[in-house]
Each structure stands twice: as C-alpha cells, then as structure tokens.
PDB file of N, CA and C in Angstrom:
ATOM      1  N   MET A   1     -31.476 -70.190 202.194  1.00  0.00           N
ATOM      2  CA  MET A   1     -30.040 -70.155 202.028  1.00  0.00           C
ATOM      3  C   MET A   1     -29.728 -69.834 200.570  1.00  0.00           C
ATOM      4  N   GLU A   2     -28.768 -68.966 200.386  1.00  0.00           N
ATOM      5  CA  GLU A   2     -28.341 -68.592 199.054  1.00  0.00           C
ATOM      6  C   GLU A   2     -26.900 -69.026 198.853  1.00  0.00           C
ATOM      7  N   ILE A   3     -26.635 -69.606 197.689  1.00  0.00           N
ATOM      8  CA  ILE A   3     -25.273 -70.031 197.364  1.00  0.00           C
ATOM      9  C   ILE A   3     -24.841 -69.289 196.107  1.00  0.00           C
ATOM     10  N   ARG A   4     -23.659 -68.723 196.147  1.00  0.00           N
ATOM     11  CA  ARG A   4     -23.161 -67.971 194.998  1.00  0.00           C
ATOM     12  C   ARG A   4     -22.890 -68.911 193.829  1.00  0.00           C
ATOM     13  N   LEU A   5     -23.265 -68.481 192.627  1.00  0.00           N
ATOM     14  CA  LEU A   5     -23.098 -69.307 191.439  1.00  0.00           C
ATOM     15  C   LEU A   5     -21.635 -69.582 191.116  1.00  0.00           C
ATOM     16  N   ASP A   6     -20.739 -68.648 191.440  1.00  0.00           N
ATOM     17  CA  ASP A   6     -19.327 -68.915 191.157  1.00  0.00           C
ATOM     18  C   ASP A   6     -18.795 -70.047 192.039  1.00  0.00           C
ATOM     19  N   TYR A   7     -19.334 -70.198 193.252  1.00  0.00           N
ATOM     20  CA  TYR A   7     -18.944 -71.313 194.109  1.00  0.00           C
ATOM     21  C   TYR A   7     -19.438 -72.636 193.507  1.00  0.00           C
ATOM     22  N   ILE A   8     -20.679 -72.621 193.025  1.00  0.00           N
ATOM     23  CA  ILE A   8     -21.251 -73.815 192.389  1.00  0.00           C
ATOM     24  C   ILE A   8     -20.428 -74.172 191.150  1.00  0.00           C
ATOM     25  N   ALA A   9     -20.071 -73.160 190.350  1.00  0.00           N
ATOM     26  CA  ALA A   9     -19.281 -73.412 189.140  1.00  0.00           C
ATOM     27  C   ALA A   9     -17.930 -74.024 189.494  1.00  0.00           C
ATOM     28  N   ASP A  10     -17.256 -73.505 190.509  1.00  0.00           N
ATOM     29  CA  ASP A  10     -15.963 -74.054 190.927  1.00  0.00           C
ATOM     30  C   ASP A  10     -16.104 -75.509 191.368  1.00  0.00           C
ATOM     31  N   LEU A  11     -17.148 -75.803 192.130  1.00  0.00           N
ATOM     32  CA  LEU A  11     -17.388 -77.168 192.589  1.00  0.00           C
ATOM     33  C   LEU A  11     -17.698 -78.083 191.407  1.00  0.00           C
ATOM     34  N   ALA A  12     -18.445 -77.591 190.439  1.00  0.00           N
ATOM     35  CA  ALA A  12     -18.784 -78.386 189.256  1.00  0.00           C
ATOM     36  C   ALA A  12     -17.536 -78.706 188.438  1.00  0.00           C
ATOM     37  N   VAL A  13     -16.621 -77.762 188.320  1.00  0.00           N
ATOM     38  CA  VAL A  13     -15.365 -78.014 187.603  1.00  0.00           C
ATOM     39  C   VAL A  13     -14.581 -79.113 188.308  1.00  0.00           C
ATOM     40  N   GLU A  14     -14.523 -79.056 189.616  1.00  0.00           N
ATOM     41  CA  GLU A  14     -13.802 -80.093 190.372  1.00  0.00           C
ATOM     42  C   GLU A  14     -14.481 -81.450 190.229  1.00  0.00           C
ATOM     43  N   GLN A  15     -15.816 -81.468 190.168  1.00  0.00           N
ATOM     44  CA  GLN A  15     -16.542 -82.719 189.951  1.00  0.00           C
ATOM     45  C   GLN A  15     -16.175 -83.306 188.588  1.00  0.00           C
ATOM     46  N   TRP A  16     -16.096 -82.452 187.575  1.00  0.00           N
ATOM     47  CA  TRP A  16     -15.705 -82.902 186.238  1.00  0.00           C
ATOM     48  C   TRP A  16     -14.306 -83.509 186.280  1.00  0.00           C
ATOM     49  N   ARG A  17     -13.378 -82.863 186.973  1.00  0.00           N
ATOM     50  CA  ARG A  17     -12.009 -83.388 187.081  1.00  0.00           C
ATOM     51  C   ARG A  17     -12.000 -84.750 187.777  1.00  0.00           C
ATOM     52  N   MET A  18     -12.804 -84.878 188.841  1.00  0.00           N
ATOM     53  CA  MET A  18     -12.867 -86.143 189.564  1.00  0.00           C
ATOM     54  C   MET A  18     -13.445 -87.234 188.663  1.00  0.00           C
ATOM     55  N   ARG A  19     -14.512 -86.936 187.934  1.00  0.00           N
ATOM     56  CA  ARG A  19     -15.122 -87.904 187.029  1.00  0.00           C
ATOM     57  C   ARG A  19     -14.123 -88.342 185.951  1.00  0.00           C
ATOM     58  N   ARG A  20     -13.378 -87.385 185.405  1.00  0.00           N
ATOM     59  CA  ARG A  20     -12.402 -87.696 184.364  1.00  0.00           C
ATOM     60  C   ARG A  20     -11.305 -88.594 184.923  1.00  0.00           C
ATOM     61  N   THR A  21     -10.839 -88.308 186.126  1.00  0.00           N
ATOM     62  CA  THR A  21      -9.819 -89.139 186.770  1.00  0.00           C
ATOM     63  C   THR A  21     -10.353 -90.548 187.020  1.00  0.00           C
ATOM     64  N   LEU A  22     -11.599 -90.644 187.472  1.00  0.00           N
ATOM     65  CA  LEU A  22     -12.194 -91.956 187.716  1.00  0.00           C
ATOM     66  C   LEU A  22     -12.300 -92.756 186.416  1.00  0.00           C
ATOM     67  N   THR A  23     -12.652 -92.103 185.342  1.00  0.00           N
ATOM     68  CA  THR A  23     -12.770 -92.779 184.050  1.00  0.00           C
ATOM     69  C   THR A  23     -11.410 -93.261 183.571  1.00  0.00           C
ATOM     70  N   GLU A  24     -10.399 -92.422 183.712  1.00  0.00           N
ATOM     71  CA  GLU A  24      -9.055 -92.771 183.251  1.00  0.00           C
ATOM     72  C   GLU A  24      -8.408 -93.862 184.106  1.00  0.00           C
ATOM     73  N   ASN A  25      -8.840 -93.990 185.358  1.00  0.00           N
ATOM     74  CA  ASN A  25      -8.232 -94.951 186.284  1.00  0.00           C
ATOM     75  C   ASN A  25      -9.259 -95.963 186.777  1.00  0.00           C
ATOM     76  N   SER A  26     -10.095 -96.435 185.879  1.00  0.00           N
ATOM     77  CA  SER A  26     -11.220 -97.277 186.280  1.00  0.00           C
ATOM     78  C   SER A  26     -10.810 -98.593 186.924  1.00  0.00           C
ATOM     79  N   ASN A  27      -9.588 -99.049 186.714  1.00  0.00           N
ATOM     80  CA  ASN A  27      -9.158-100.320 187.283  1.00  0.00           C
ATOM     81  C   ASN A  27      -8.309-100.176 188.541  1.00  0.00           C
ATOM     82  N   SER A  28      -8.138 -98.956 189.030  1.00  0.00           N
ATOM     83  CA  SER A  28      -7.307 -98.737 190.208  1.00  0.00           C
ATOM     84  C   SER A  28      -8.018 -99.194 191.475  1.00  0.00           C
ATOM     85  N   GLU A  29      -7.221 -99.581 192.445  1.00  0.00           N
ATOM     86  CA  GLU A  29      -7.751-100.010 193.744  1.00  0.00           C
ATOM     87  C   GLU A  29      -8.247 -98.802 194.546  1.00  0.00           C
ATOM     88  N   GLY A  30      -9.220 -99.009 195.420  1.00  0.00           N
ATOM     89  CA  GLY A  30      -9.649 -97.989 196.364  1.00  0.00           C
ATOM     90  C   GLY A  30     -10.510 -96.879 195.788  1.00  0.00           C
ATOM     91  N   LEU A  31     -11.068 -97.060 194.600  1.00  0.00           N
ATOM     92  CA  LEU A  31     -11.866 -95.995 194.003  1.00  0.00           C
ATOM     93  C   LEU A  31     -13.370 -96.150 194.230  1.00  0.00           C
ATOM     94  N   VAL A  32     -13.787 -97.202 194.922  1.00  0.00           N
ATOM     95  CA  VAL A  32     -15.215 -97.431 195.153  1.00  0.00           C
ATOM     96  C   VAL A  32     -15.843 -96.270 195.928  1.00  0.00           C
ATOM     97  N   ALA A  33     -15.205 -95.839 197.001  1.00  0.00           N
ATOM     98  CA  ALA A  33     -15.742 -94.732 197.810  1.00  0.00           C
ATOM     99  C   ALA A  33     -15.767 -93.441 197.005  1.00  0.00           C
ATOM    100  N   LEU A  34     -14.740 -93.217 196.219  1.00  0.00           N
ATOM    101  CA  LEU A  34     -14.682 -92.010 195.402  1.00  0.00           C
ATOM    102  C   LEU A  34     -15.791 -92.000 194.347  1.00  0.00           C
ATOM    103  N   ARG A  35     -16.097 -93.154 193.775  1.00  0.00           N
ATOM    104  CA  ARG A  35     -17.205 -93.247 192.810  1.00  0.00           C
ATOM    105  C   ARG A  35     -18.535 -92.923 193.485  1.00  0.00           C
ATOM    106  N   ARG A  36     -18.704 -93.373 194.717  1.00  0.00           N
ATOM    107  CA  ARG A  36     -19.931 -93.084 195.462  1.00  0.00           C
ATOM    108  C   ARG A  36     -20.068 -91.576 195.688  1.00  0.00           C
ATOM    109  N   VAL A  37     -18.981 -90.924 196.060  1.00  0.00           N
ATOM    110  CA  VAL A  37     -18.990 -89.470 196.243  1.00  0.00           C
ATOM    111  C   VAL A  37     -19.331 -88.780 194.926  1.00  0.00           C
ATOM    112  N   ALA A  38     -18.740 -89.244 193.830  1.00  0.00           N
ATOM    113  CA  ALA A  38     -18.999 -88.644 192.512  1.00  0.00           C
ATOM    114  C   ALA A  38     -20.481 -88.762 192.151  1.00  0.00           C
ATOM    115  N   ARG A  39     -21.097 -89.904 192.441  1.00  0.00           N
ATOM    116  CA  ARG A  39     -22.535 -90.068 192.159  1.00  0.00           C
ATOM    117  C   ARG A  39     -23.372 -89.105 192.993  1.00  0.00           C
ATOM    118  N   LYS A  40     -22.967 -88.871 194.244  1.00  0.00           N
ATOM    119  CA  LYS A  40     -23.702 -87.918 195.090  1.00  0.00           C
ATOM    120  C   LYS A  40     -23.586 -86.504 194.531  1.00  0.00           C
ATOM    121  N   TYR A  41     -22.396 -86.150 194.083  1.00  0.00           N
ATOM    122  CA  TYR A  41     -22.223 -84.836 193.446  1.00  0.00           C
ATOM    123  C   TYR A  41     -23.097 -84.736 192.198  1.00  0.00           C
ATOM    124  N   ASP A  42     -23.107 -85.795 191.393  1.00  0.00           N
ATOM    125  CA  ASP A  42     -23.942 -85.790 190.185  1.00  0.00           C
ATOM    126  C   ASP A  42     -25.399 -85.508 190.529  1.00  0.00           C
ATOM    127  N   ARG A  43     -25.909 -86.181 191.542  1.00  0.00           N
ATOM    128  CA  ARG A  43     -27.312 -85.964 191.962  1.00  0.00           C
ATOM    129  C   ARG A  43     -27.513 -84.543 192.486  1.00  0.00           C
ATOM    130  N   PHE A  44     -26.553 -84.038 193.256  1.00  0.00           N
ATOM    131  CA  PHE A  44     -26.646 -82.674 193.776  1.00  0.00           C
ATOM    132  C   PHE A  44     -26.753 -81.671 192.632  1.00  0.00           C
ATOM    133  N   PHE A  45     -25.852 -81.784 191.653  1.00  0.00           N
ATOM    134  CA  PHE A  45     -25.874 -80.843 190.535  1.00  0.00           C
ATOM    135  C   PHE A  45     -27.155 -80.969 189.723  1.00  0.00           C
ATOM    136  N   GLU A  46     -27.637 -82.178 189.553  1.00  0.00           N
ATOM    137  CA  GLU A  46     -28.892 -82.378 188.830  1.00  0.00           C
ATOM    138  C   GLU A  46     -30.049 -81.680 189.551  1.00  0.00           C
ATOM    139  N   LYS A  47     -30.117 -81.834 190.866  1.00  0.00           N
ATOM    140  CA  LYS A  47     -31.180 -81.183 191.640  1.00  0.00           C
ATOM    141  C   LYS A  47     -31.061 -79.665 191.616  1.00  0.00           C
ATOM    142  N   CYS A  48     -29.835 -79.170 191.504  1.00  0.00           N
ATOM    143  CA  CYS A  48     -29.605 -77.722 191.458  1.00  0.00           C
ATOM    144  C   CYS A  48     -29.693 -77.164 190.036  1.00  0.00           C
ATOM    145  N   GLU A  49     -30.019 -78.016 189.069  1.00  0.00           N
ATOM    146  CA  GLU A  49     -30.153 -77.623 187.666  1.00  0.00           C
ATOM    147  C   GLU A  49     -28.831 -77.120 187.087  1.00  0.00           C
ATOM    148  N   VAL A  50     -27.734 -77.759 187.513  1.00  0.00           N
ATOM    149  CA  VAL A  50     -26.397 -77.433 187.021  1.00  0.00           C
ATOM    150  C   VAL A  50     -25.964 -78.524 186.043  1.00  0.00           C
ATOM    151  N   GLU A  51     -25.488 -78.106 184.866  1.00  0.00           N
ATOM    152  CA  GLU A  51     -24.984 -79.044 183.870  1.00  0.00           C
ATOM    153  C   GLU A  51     -23.494 -78.821 183.684  1.00  0.00           C
ATOM    154  N   ILE A  52     -22.760 -79.909 183.577  1.00  0.00           N
ATOM    155  CA  ILE A  52     -21.326 -79.870 183.336  1.00  0.00           C
ATOM    156  C   ILE A  52     -21.118 -80.383 181.914  1.00  0.00           C
ATOM    157  N   LEU A  53     -20.659 -79.502 181.022  1.00  0.00           N
ATOM    158  CA  LEU A  53     -20.514 -79.866 179.613  1.00  0.00           C
ATOM    159  C   LEU A  53     -19.056 -80.070 179.229  1.00  0.00           C
ATOM    160  N   ASP A  54     -18.732 -81.285 178.856  1.00  0.00           N
ATOM    161  CA  ASP A  54     -17.417 -81.611 178.321  1.00  0.00           C
ATOM    162  C   ASP A  54     -17.587 -81.698 176.808  1.00  0.00           C
ATOM    163  N   LEU A  55     -17.027 -80.768 176.084  1.00  0.00           N
ATOM    164  CA  LEU A  55     -17.224 -80.671 174.644  1.00  0.00           C
ATOM    165  C   LEU A  55     -16.176 -81.426 173.829  1.00  0.00           C
ATOM    166  N   THR A  56     -15.409 -82.289 174.469  1.00  0.00           N
ATOM    167  CA  THR A  56     -14.386 -83.059 173.770  1.00  0.00           C
ATOM    168  C   THR A  56     -15.000 -83.822 172.597  1.00  0.00           C
ATOM    169  N   GLY A  57     -14.384 -83.644 171.417  1.00  0.00           N
ATOM    170  CA  GLY A  57     -14.843 -84.349 170.231  1.00  0.00           C
ATOM    171  C   GLY A  57     -15.960 -83.647 169.472  1.00  0.00           C
ATOM    172  N   LYS A  58     -16.488 -82.584 170.032  1.00  0.00           N
ATOM    173  CA  LYS A  58     -17.580 -81.850 169.370  1.00  0.00           C
ATOM    174  C   LYS A  58     -17.016 -80.907 168.314  1.00  0.00           C
ATOM    175  N   GLU A  59     -17.836 -80.622 167.316  1.00  0.00           N
ATOM    176  CA  GLU A  59     -17.477 -79.653 166.278  1.00  0.00           C
ATOM    177  C   GLU A  59     -17.243 -78.303 166.955  1.00  0.00           C
ATOM    178  N   TYR A  60     -16.125 -77.657 166.631  1.00  0.00           N
ATOM    179  CA  TYR A  60     -15.837 -76.348 167.213  1.00  0.00           C
ATOM    180  C   TYR A  60     -16.589 -75.271 166.439  1.00  0.00           C
ATOM    181  N   ASP A  61     -17.160 -74.372 167.186  1.00  0.00           N
ATOM    182  CA  ASP A  61     -17.847 -73.210 166.624  1.00  0.00           C
ATOM    183  C   ASP A  61     -17.380 -72.007 167.431  1.00  0.00           C
ATOM    184  N   PRO A  62     -17.022 -70.894 166.779  1.00  0.00           N
ATOM    185  CA  PRO A  62     -16.543 -69.724 167.520  1.00  0.00           C
ATOM    186  C   PRO A  62     -17.547 -69.184 168.545  1.00  0.00           C
ATOM    187  N   GLY A  63     -18.811 -69.547 168.417  1.00  0.00           N
ATOM    188  CA  GLY A  63     -19.817 -69.085 169.363  1.00  0.00           C
ATOM    189  C   GLY A  63     -19.909 -69.921 170.633  1.00  0.00           C
ATOM    190  N   LEU A  64     -19.144 -70.990 170.720  1.00  0.00           N
ATOM    191  CA  LEU A  64     -19.168 -71.829 171.922  1.00  0.00           C
ATOM    192  C   LEU A  64     -18.614 -71.045 173.115  1.00  0.00           C
ATOM    193  N   PRO A  65     -19.137 -71.309 174.306  1.00  0.00           N
ATOM    194  CA  PRO A  65     -18.645 -70.595 175.485  1.00  0.00           C
ATOM    195  C   PRO A  65     -17.348 -71.191 176.030  1.00  0.00           C
ATOM    196  N   ILE A  66     -16.331 -71.233 175.170  1.00  0.00           N
ATOM    197  CA  ILE A  66     -15.031 -71.739 175.591  1.00  0.00           C
ATOM    198  C   ILE A  66     -13.940 -70.780 175.147  1.00  0.00           C
ATOM    199  N   GLU A  67     -12.881 -70.749 175.933  1.00  0.00           N
ATOM    200  CA  GLU A  67     -11.673 -70.014 175.567  1.00  0.00           C
ATOM    201  C   GLU A  67     -10.726 -71.034 174.936  1.00  0.00           C
ATOM    202  N   VAL A  68     -10.325 -70.781 173.714  1.00  0.00           N
ATOM    203  CA  VAL A  68      -9.376 -71.671 173.038  1.00  0.00           C
ATOM    204  C   VAL A  68      -7.981 -71.233 173.464  1.00  0.00           C
ATOM    205  N   VAL A  69      -7.301 -72.105 174.202  1.00  0.00           N
ATOM    206  CA  VAL A  69      -5.966 -71.765 174.705  1.00  0.00           C
ATOM    207  C   VAL A  69      -4.868 -72.224 173.764  1.00  0.00           C
ATOM    208  N   HIS A  70      -5.210 -73.135 172.855  1.00  0.00           N
ATOM    209  CA  HIS A  70      -4.241 -73.617 171.867  1.00  0.00           C
ATOM    210  C   HIS A  70      -5.020 -74.245 170.724  1.00  0.00           C
ATOM    211  N   SER A  71      -4.492 -74.111 169.523  1.00  0.00           N
ATOM    212  CA  SER A  71      -5.124 -74.710 168.360  1.00  0.00           C
ATOM    213  C   SER A  71      -4.063 -75.430 167.550  1.00  0.00           C
ATOM    214  N   GLU A  72      -4.373 -76.663 167.162  1.00  0.00           N
ATOM    215  CA  GLU A  72      -3.431 -77.485 166.405  1.00  0.00           C
ATOM    216  C   GLU A  72      -4.002 -77.751 165.020  1.00  0.00           C
ATOM    217  N   VAL A  73      -3.135 -78.062 164.080  1.00  0.00           N
ATOM    218  CA  VAL A  73      -3.549 -78.382 162.715  1.00  0.00           C
ATOM    219  C   VAL A  73      -3.449 -79.890 162.522  1.00  0.00           C
ATOM    220  N   ASP A  74      -4.478 -80.456 161.883  1.00  0.00           N
ATOM    221  CA  ASP A  74      -4.489 -81.885 161.566  1.00  0.00           C
ATOM    222  C   ASP A  74      -4.902 -82.038 160.108  1.00  0.00           C
ATOM    223  N   ALA A  75      -3.947 -82.412 159.257  1.00  0.00           N
ATOM    224  CA  ALA A  75      -4.219 -82.543 157.828  1.00  0.00           C
ATOM    225  C   ALA A  75      -5.241 -83.635 157.530  1.00  0.00           C
ATOM    226  N   ALA A  76      -5.474 -84.529 158.484  1.00  0.00           N
ATOM    227  CA  ALA A  76      -6.440 -85.612 158.276  1.00  0.00           C
ATOM    228  C   ALA A  76      -7.889 -85.135 158.394  1.00  0.00           C
ATOM    229  N   LEU A  77      -8.102 -83.976 158.999  1.00  0.00           N
ATOM    230  CA  LEU A  77      -9.471 -83.459 159.109  1.00  0.00           C
ATOM    231  C   LEU A  77      -9.942 -82.948 157.752  1.00  0.00           C
ATOM    232  N   PRO A  78     -11.218 -83.148 157.428  1.00  0.00           N
ATOM    233  CA  PRO A  78     -11.752 -82.615 156.166  1.00  0.00           C
ATOM    234  C   PRO A  78     -11.641 -81.092 156.144  1.00  0.00           C
ATOM    235  N   PRO A  79     -11.480 -80.505 154.962  1.00  0.00           N
ATOM    236  CA  PRO A  79     -11.355 -79.045 154.847  1.00  0.00           C
ATOM    237  C   PRO A  79     -12.506 -78.316 155.541  1.00  0.00           C
ATOM    238  N   GLY A  80     -12.146 -77.260 156.256  1.00  0.00           N
ATOM    239  CA  GLY A  80     -13.147 -76.439 156.931  1.00  0.00           C
ATOM    240  C   GLY A  80     -13.618 -76.963 158.271  1.00  0.00           C
ATOM    241  N   ARG A  81     -13.125 -78.098 158.700  1.00  0.00           N
ATOM    242  CA  ARG A  81     -13.561 -78.679 159.976  1.00  0.00           C
ATOM    243  C   ARG A  81     -12.626 -78.285 161.104  1.00  0.00           C
ATOM    244  N   ALA A  82     -13.223 -78.130 162.273  1.00  0.00           N
ATOM    245  CA  ALA A  82     -12.462 -77.889 163.504  1.00  0.00           C
ATOM    246  C   ALA A  82     -13.207 -78.588 164.622  1.00  0.00           C
ATOM    247  N   VAL A  83     -12.474 -79.219 165.514  1.00  0.00           N
ATOM    248  CA  VAL A  83     -13.082 -79.939 166.630  1.00  0.00           C
ATOM    249  C   VAL A  83     -12.409 -79.544 167.940  1.00  0.00           C
ATOM    250  N   VAL A  84     -13.148 -79.717 169.013  1.00  0.00           N
ATOM    251  CA  VAL A  84     -12.584 -79.529 170.352  1.00  0.00           C
ATOM    252  C   VAL A  84     -11.846 -80.831 170.664  1.00  0.00           C
ATOM    253  N   SER A  85     -10.531 -80.779 170.692  1.00  0.00           N
ATOM    254  CA  SER A  85      -9.748 -81.999 170.865  1.00  0.00           C
ATOM    255  C   SER A  85      -9.435 -82.320 172.326  1.00  0.00           C
ATOM    256  N   GLU A  86      -9.396 -81.295 173.174  1.00  0.00           N
ATOM    257  CA  GLU A  86      -9.132 -81.529 174.599  1.00  0.00           C
ATOM    258  C   GLU A  86      -9.796 -80.422 175.411  1.00  0.00           C
ATOM    259  N   VAL A  87     -10.495 -80.821 176.451  1.00  0.00           N
ATOM    260  CA  VAL A  87     -11.114 -79.846 177.352  1.00  0.00           C
ATOM    261  C   VAL A  87     -10.249 -79.745 178.595  1.00  0.00           C
ATOM    262  N   LEU A  88      -9.823 -78.531 178.907  1.00  0.00           N
ATOM    263  CA  LEU A  88      -9.020 -78.281 180.099  1.00  0.00           C
ATOM    264  C   LEU A  88      -9.901 -77.914 181.280  1.00  0.00           C
ATOM    265  N   SER A  89     -11.053 -77.324 180.974  1.00  0.00           N
ATOM    266  CA  SER A  89     -12.043 -76.952 181.981  1.00  0.00           C
ATOM    267  C   SER A  89     -13.401 -76.950 181.278  1.00  0.00           C
ATOM    268  N   PRO A  90     -14.421 -77.578 181.864  1.00  0.00           N
ATOM    269  CA  PRO A  90     -15.709 -77.698 181.174  1.00  0.00           C
ATOM    270  C   PRO A  90     -16.535 -76.416 181.218  1.00  0.00           C
ATOM    271  N   VAL A  91     -17.567 -76.384 180.388  1.00  0.00           N
ATOM    272  CA  VAL A  91     -18.565 -75.316 180.434  1.00  0.00           C
ATOM    273  C   VAL A  91     -19.563 -75.701 181.533  1.00  0.00           C
ATOM    274  N   ILE A  92     -19.928 -74.734 182.368  1.00  0.00           N
ATOM    275  CA  ILE A  92     -20.910 -75.001 183.422  1.00  0.00           C
ATOM    276  C   ILE A  92     -22.147 -74.150 183.158  1.00  0.00           C
ATOM    277  N   LEU A  93     -23.308 -74.820 183.128  1.00  0.00           N
ATOM    278  CA  LEU A  93     -24.585 -74.137 182.933  1.00  0.00           C
ATOM    279  C   LEU A  93     -25.422 -74.254 184.196  1.00  0.00           C
ATOM    280  N   TRP A  94     -26.171 -73.225 184.485  1.00  0.00           N
ATOM    281  CA  TRP A  94     -27.165 -73.264 185.555  1.00  0.00           C
ATOM    282  C   TRP A  94     -28.474 -72.812 184.944  1.00  0.00           C
ATOM    283  N   ARG A  95     -29.438 -73.700 184.970  1.00  0.00           N
ATOM    284  CA  ARG A  95     -30.740 -73.436 184.355  1.00  0.00           C
ATOM    285  C   ARG A  95     -30.585 -72.991 182.905  1.00  0.00           C
ATOM    286  N   GLY A  96     -29.628 -73.604 182.211  1.00  0.00           N
ATOM    287  CA  GLY A  96     -29.409 -73.334 180.798  1.00  0.00           C
ATOM    288  C   GLY A  96     -28.558 -72.124 180.492  1.00  0.00           C
ATOM    289  N   LYS A  97     -28.125 -71.388 181.516  1.00  0.00           N
ATOM    290  CA  LYS A  97     -27.297 -70.198 181.307  1.00  0.00           C
ATOM    291  C   LYS A  97     -25.850 -70.493 181.705  1.00  0.00           C
ATOM    292  N   VAL A  98     -24.921 -69.966 180.915  1.00  0.00           N
ATOM    293  CA  VAL A  98     -23.496 -70.181 181.188  1.00  0.00           C
ATOM    294  C   VAL A  98     -23.091 -69.423 182.450  1.00  0.00           C
ATOM    295  N   ILE A  99     -22.529 -70.160 183.415  1.00  0.00           N
ATOM    296  CA  ILE A  99     -21.996 -69.507 184.616  1.00  0.00           C
ATOM    297  C   ILE A  99     -20.479 -69.682 184.699  1.00  0.00           C
ATOM    298  N   HIS A 100     -19.930 -70.504 183.792  1.00  0.00           N
ATOM    299  CA  HIS A 100     -18.479 -70.715 183.743  1.00  0.00           C
ATOM    300  C   HIS A 100     -18.107 -71.099 182.317  1.00  0.00           C
ATOM    301  N   HIS A 101     -17.265 -70.301 181.684  1.00  0.00           N
ATOM    302  CA  HIS A 101     -16.779 -70.618 180.345  1.00  0.00           C
ATOM    303  C   HIS A 101     -15.702 -71.693 180.437  1.00  0.00           C
ATOM    304  N   GLY A 102     -15.703 -72.597 179.478  1.00  0.00           N
ATOM    305  CA  GLY A 102     -14.707 -73.648 179.438  1.00  0.00           C
ATOM    306  C   GLY A 102     -13.401 -73.163 178.828  1.00  0.00           C
ATOM    307  N   ARG A 103     -12.394 -74.006 178.917  1.00  0.00           N
ATOM    308  CA  ARG A 103     -11.088 -73.761 178.286  1.00  0.00           C
ATOM    309  C   ARG A 103     -10.750 -75.029 177.526  1.00  0.00           C
ATOM    310  N   ALA A 104     -10.257 -74.858 176.290  1.00  0.00           N
ATOM    311  CA  ALA A 104     -10.040 -76.045 175.472  1.00  0.00           C
ATOM    312  C   ALA A 104      -8.930 -75.857 174.457  1.00  0.00           C
ATOM    313  N   VAL A 105      -8.515 -76.995 173.917  1.00  0.00           N
ATOM    314  CA  VAL A 105      -7.602 -77.063 172.788  1.00  0.00           C
ATOM    315  C   VAL A 105      -8.445 -77.512 171.594  1.00  0.00           C
ATOM    316  N   THR A 106      -8.249 -76.876 170.450  1.00  0.00           N
ATOM    317  CA  THR A 106      -8.972 -77.283 169.250  1.00  0.00           C
ATOM    318  C   THR A 106      -7.994 -77.825 168.220  1.00  0.00           C
ATOM    319  N   THR A 107      -8.529 -78.618 167.315  1.00  0.00           N
ATOM    320  CA  THR A 107      -7.780 -79.116 166.174  1.00  0.00           C
ATOM    321  C   THR A 107      -8.570 -78.724 164.938  1.00  0.00           C
ATOM    322  N   ARG A 108      -7.877 -78.169 163.953  1.00  0.00           N
ATOM    323  CA  ARG A 108      -8.563 -77.725 162.739  1.00  0.00           C
ATOM    324  C   ARG A 108      -7.860 -78.289 161.517  1.00  0.00           C
ATOM    325  N   SER A 109      -8.577 -78.284 160.408  1.00  0.00           N
ATOM    326  CA  SER A 109      -8.003 -78.787 159.165  1.00  0.00           C
ATOM    327  C   SER A 109      -6.916 -77.844 158.676  1.00  0.00           C
ATOM    328  N   SER A 110      -6.001 -78.380 157.887  1.00  0.00           N
ATOM    329  CA  SER A 110      -4.922 -77.536 157.371  1.00  0.00           C
ATOM    330  C   SER A 110      -5.470 -76.491 156.407  1.00  0.00           C
ATOM    331  N   ALA A 111      -6.569 -76.793 155.702  1.00  0.00           N
ATOM    332  CA  ALA A 111      -7.182 -75.819 154.791  1.00  0.00           C
ATOM    333  C   ALA A 111      -7.717 -74.622 155.571  1.00  0.00           C
ATOM    334  N   GLU A 112      -8.340 -74.893 156.717  1.00  0.00           N
ATOM    335  CA  GLU A 112      -8.862 -73.804 157.554  1.00  0.00           C
ATOM    336  C   GLU A 112      -7.716 -72.982 158.123  1.00  0.00           C
ATOM    337  N   ALA A 113      -6.648 -73.648 158.525  1.00  0.00           N
ATOM    338  CA  ALA A 113      -5.485 -72.937 159.073  1.00  0.00           C
ATOM    339  C   ALA A 113      -4.890 -72.030 158.007  1.00  0.00           C
ATOM    340  N   GLY A 114      -4.786 -72.509 156.769  1.00  0.00           N
ATOM    341  CA  GLY A 114      -4.232 -71.714 155.685  1.00  0.00           C
ATOM    342  C   GLY A 114      -5.094 -70.507 155.389  1.00  0.00           C
ATOM    343  N   ALA A 115      -6.420 -70.681 155.425  1.00  0.00           N
ATOM    344  CA  ALA A 115      -7.321 -69.563 155.178  1.00  0.00           C
ATOM    345  C   ALA A 115      -7.192 -68.516 156.267  1.00  0.00           C
ATOM    346  N   ARG A 116      -7.054 -68.930 157.512  1.00  0.00           N
ATOM    347  CA  ARG A 116      -6.884 -67.986 158.619  1.00  0.00           C
ATOM    348  C   ARG A 116      -5.559 -67.244 158.501  1.00  0.00           C
ATOM    349  N   ASP A 117      -4.503 -67.988 158.152  1.00  0.00           N
ATOM    350  CA  ASP A 117      -3.183 -67.352 158.023  1.00  0.00           C
ATOM    351  C   ASP A 117      -3.179 -66.317 156.903  1.00  0.00           C
ATOM    352  N   ALA A 118      -3.921 -66.586 155.826  1.00  0.00           N
ATOM    353  CA  ALA A 118      -3.965 -65.675 154.676  1.00  0.00           C
ATOM    354  C   ALA A 118      -4.683 -64.376 155.017  1.00  0.00           C
ATOM    355  N   THR A 119      -5.660 -64.438 155.962  1.00  0.00           N
ATOM    356  CA  THR A 119      -6.412 -63.240 156.337  1.00  0.00           C
ATOM    357  C   THR A 119      -5.747 -62.479 157.466  1.00  0.00           C
ATOM    358  N   SER A 120      -4.772 -63.071 158.100  1.00  0.00           N
ATOM    359  CA  SER A 120      -4.107 -62.403 159.248  1.00  0.00           C
ATOM    360  C   SER A 120      -3.099 -61.399 158.793  1.00  0.00           C
TER     361      SER A 120
END
C-alpha cells in the first residue's frame, strides 16, 4: 500500500492542532478519549518516520522551512535577534526531509527592523 506524502502531511498538521488544543485545555472535561487518540497518532507518525516540528520560541533563521506571514518588532529583544513567536502551521518532516513548510509569526529586535528598513 502506498500513501501520498501530502496526505500524511495534512494529517500531521491536524495532529499538531489537536495536541496544541489538548495542551491549552488540559483541565477540560471529556478529553481523556481525545488524549488516547492523540497518543495513537503520535505512535503512528513515529512508526512512519514523520516528525512534527513546532518551532515556537526558536531562533528565527531565514533558511528555516517556514513562511513568515507576519513579523513584529520587540524592543526588549537583544539587537540582531529574531524568534519564531507563534506557529500557525508546523513543519512536517518525513525521514528528515521537509514535506510541508510551516507558517509562522516572528518577532525581531528593533535594531534588526531598522537595519531592514534602511536597506529596503
């Protein structure tokens, strides 16, 4: 049996969304069955060599496999720093290769923003 990688990537994105919802609502009633399903998905993806990467809080690098949909300035960040502040869709890897690019919001230092504005 062959399964298309784009189908696996779509399912992995939905698994990430479910995991994030479970984390945000950890005290809600009726989530025991949903947690069990999430664990089964986790095992399935592990056996299929699929990784779901949530880059929230990681140092931003232009070479990351993410589409930056919005960028904010934070004067509290040290000069030259940029971080992935919110992931809208995770990066999906299969056997170490990107099969789905993520989408994210980044936050950068005001010094970096000024340097970019000066070159634009």
